[in-house]
Protein backbone atom coordinates (compact mmCIF):
# COMPACT_ATOMS: atom_id res chain seq x y z
CA MET A 1 79.09 83.51 114.35
CA ILE A 2 81.53 82.58 111.21
CA ILE A 3 85.11 83.90 111.45
CA ALA A 4 87.11 84.47 107.96
CA PHE A 5 90.75 83.76 108.36
CA ALA A 6 93.33 84.79 105.83
CA SER A 7 95.79 81.91 105.86
CA ASP A 8 98.85 80.78 104.04
CA ASP A 9 97.88 77.18 103.79
CA LYS A 10 94.93 75.04 103.69
CA ASN A 11 95.44 73.21 107.28
CA GLY A 12 92.11 74.37 108.84
CA LEU A 13 92.58 75.22 112.48
CA ASP A 14 96.37 74.15 112.14
CA GLY A 15 97.11 76.70 109.45
CA ILE A 16 98.99 79.86 109.61
CA LEU A 17 97.45 82.96 109.63
CA ALA A 18 98.72 85.00 106.70
CA TYR A 19 100.17 88.58 106.96
CA HIS A 20 97.98 90.55 104.06
CA PHE A 21 94.52 89.25 103.78
CA GLY A 22 94.06 90.27 99.74
CA ARG A 23 97.11 88.28 98.66
CA CYS A 24 96.55 85.38 100.90
CA PRO A 25 96.32 82.18 99.08
CA TYR A 26 93.16 80.98 101.23
CA PHE A 27 90.56 81.63 103.46
CA THR A 28 89.77 79.54 106.50
CA PHE A 29 86.10 80.06 107.78
CA VAL A 30 85.27 79.11 111.11
CA GLU A 31 81.86 78.78 112.55
CA VAL A 32 81.67 79.25 116.40
CA ASP A 33 78.66 78.46 118.15
CA LYS A 34 78.29 78.68 122.08
CA ASN A 35 81.99 78.98 122.39
CA LYS A 36 82.82 76.04 120.17
CA VAL A 37 84.01 75.66 116.54
CA LYS A 38 81.16 73.80 115.19
CA ASP A 39 82.20 73.94 111.22
CA VAL A 40 85.53 74.49 109.09
CA ARG A 41 85.75 75.66 105.53
CA ILE A 42 88.88 76.44 103.56
CA GLU A 43 88.67 78.09 100.22
CA SER A 44 91.14 79.19 97.57
CA ASN A 45 91.25 82.73 97.46
CA PRO A 46 89.20 83.50 94.03
CA TYR A 47 90.86 87.09 94.01
CA ILE A 48 94.77 86.10 94.71
CA ASP A 49 95.91 87.45 90.98
CA SER A 50 93.35 90.67 90.86
CA HIS A 51 93.26 93.50 93.48
CA ASP A 52 90.47 95.01 92.36
CA VAL A 53 88.88 97.73 95.33
CA GLY A 54 86.02 95.88 97.65
CA VAL A 55 85.90 92.46 95.77
CA VAL A 56 87.87 90.77 98.91
CA PRO A 57 85.69 92.35 101.38
CA GLU A 58 82.43 91.52 99.07
CA TYR A 59 83.70 87.88 99.09
CA ILE A 60 84.09 87.45 102.60
CA HIS A 61 80.83 89.27 103.56
CA ARG A 62 78.83 86.83 100.93
CA LYS A 63 80.35 84.21 103.15
CA GLY A 64 78.43 85.18 105.68
CA ALA A 65 81.61 86.43 107.81
CA GLU A 66 81.08 89.00 110.68
CA VAL A 67 84.64 89.10 111.65
CA ILE A 68 88.12 88.71 109.02
CA VAL A 69 91.54 87.95 110.96
CA ALA A 70 94.61 88.99 109.34
CA GLY A 71 98.05 89.76 110.04
CA GLY A 72 97.87 93.21 108.19
CA MET A 73 95.07 95.08 106.05
CA GLY A 74 95.19 98.36 104.83
CA PRO A 75 92.98 101.59 105.80
CA ARG A 76 90.81 101.08 102.65
CA ALA A 77 90.49 97.74 103.11
CA GLN A 78 89.16 97.91 106.83
CA GLU A 79 86.75 100.75 105.94
CA TRP A 80 85.14 98.34 103.04
CA PHE A 81 84.72 95.71 105.51
CA ALA A 82 83.44 98.03 107.83
CA LYS A 83 80.57 99.25 105.61
CA LEU A 84 79.85 95.99 104.97
CA GLY A 85 79.29 94.96 108.47
CA VAL A 86 82.52 92.67 109.16
CA LYS A 87 84.93 93.63 111.77
CA PRO A 88 88.49 93.37 110.56
CA MET A 89 91.14 92.46 113.25
CA VAL A 90 94.44 93.05 112.27
CA GLY A 91 97.54 92.34 113.90
CA ALA A 92 96.93 88.52 114.43
CA TYR A 93 99.67 86.09 113.98
CA GLY A 94 100.30 82.21 114.54
CA ARG A 95 98.21 79.60 114.30
CA ILE A 96 94.49 79.85 113.59
CA LYS A 97 93.27 77.40 116.37
CA ASP A 98 95.13 79.63 118.82
CA VAL A 99 93.58 82.77 117.77
CA VAL A 100 90.08 80.96 117.29
CA GLU A 101 90.49 80.51 121.40
CA GLU A 102 91.07 83.64 122.34
CA ILE A 103 88.17 85.13 120.22
CA ILE A 104 86.44 82.50 122.20
CA LYS A 105 87.60 83.78 125.74
CA HIS A 106 87.52 87.20 124.48
CA PRO A 107 84.65 87.89 122.09
CA VAL A 108 84.04 90.10 119.41
CA GLU A 109 82.03 93.32 119.67
CA VAL A 110 81.08 93.10 116.01
CA SER A 111 79.13 96.58 116.21
CA THR A 112 82.20 98.40 117.91
CA PHE A 113 84.43 98.52 114.32
CA PRO A 114 86.11 101.92 113.12
CA THR A 115 83.96 103.17 110.76
CA SER A 116 85.95 106.47 109.11
CA HIS A 117 89.71 106.52 107.51
CA LYS A 118 90.77 109.05 110.35
CA GLU A 119 89.90 106.55 113.03
CA ILE A 120 91.42 103.45 111.39
CA GLU A 121 94.77 105.29 110.95
CA SER A 122 94.53 106.29 114.39
CA GLY A 123 95.80 102.94 114.78
CA GLU A 124 99.19 102.95 113.10
CA SER A 125 101.16 103.38 116.23
CA ASP A 126 99.44 99.87 117.60
CA GLU A 127 100.86 98.32 114.20
CA ALA A 128 104.60 99.25 115.10
CA GLU A 129 103.87 98.11 118.65
CA ARG A 130 102.28 94.57 117.45
CA LEU A 131 105.26 94.31 115.04
CA LYS A 132 107.19 94.69 117.99
CA LYS A 133 105.76 91.65 119.67
CA GLU A 134 105.71 89.69 116.66
CA VAL A 135 109.13 89.99 115.92
CA ALA A 136 109.62 89.28 119.60
CA HIS A 137 107.83 86.31 119.60
CA LEU A 138 109.28 85.12 116.30
CA ARG A 139 112.68 85.42 117.77
CA GLU A 140 111.61 83.13 121.02
CA THR A 141 110.12 80.56 118.40
CA ILE A 142 113.29 80.50 116.45
CA ALA A 143 115.39 80.46 119.71
CA ASP A 144 113.11 77.25 120.58
CA LEU A 145 113.98 75.57 117.24
CA ASN A 146 117.30 75.65 117.53
CA GLU A 147 117.32 74.10 120.60
CA ARG A 148 115.14 71.45 119.54
CA LEU A 149 117.36 71.05 116.48
CA LYS A 150 120.60 71.12 118.76
CA LYS A 151 119.03 68.24 120.76
CA LEU A 152 118.37 66.06 117.46
CA GLU A 153 121.43 66.92 116.29
CA ASP A 154 123.47 65.61 119.57
CA LYS A 155 121.58 62.35 119.70
């Protein structure tokens, strides 16, 4: 299975997921076979300056991806991916390798993606909950970083 990740950098598995898939600078394609990472490819987003409807989902589909992972994605884009048979997964954040590990632990049901605008829009409250969790996670990360910085400054 090939999983496409919207990424903010070109650091492969150590890369950070981008919040918006269409405007991300890079896509990281991770091929997983038998619960192991088989291949990792990073490509610049050829459509970063163009936001024509459907071009990014078609690009991701042509690359053989069965899943696209991003922090956020609009309902029209999710619908495009669904029509192309690519499972959109939104609400992810952090390092790509951590998300890959979660997908390996909890395999994605590619056939169970939303297929209509109504189904996709019903996830709006999920988006709010995801954002609350992300804010909590960011606060925790900032607190950890502040603690580490203080220790370094005290040396």
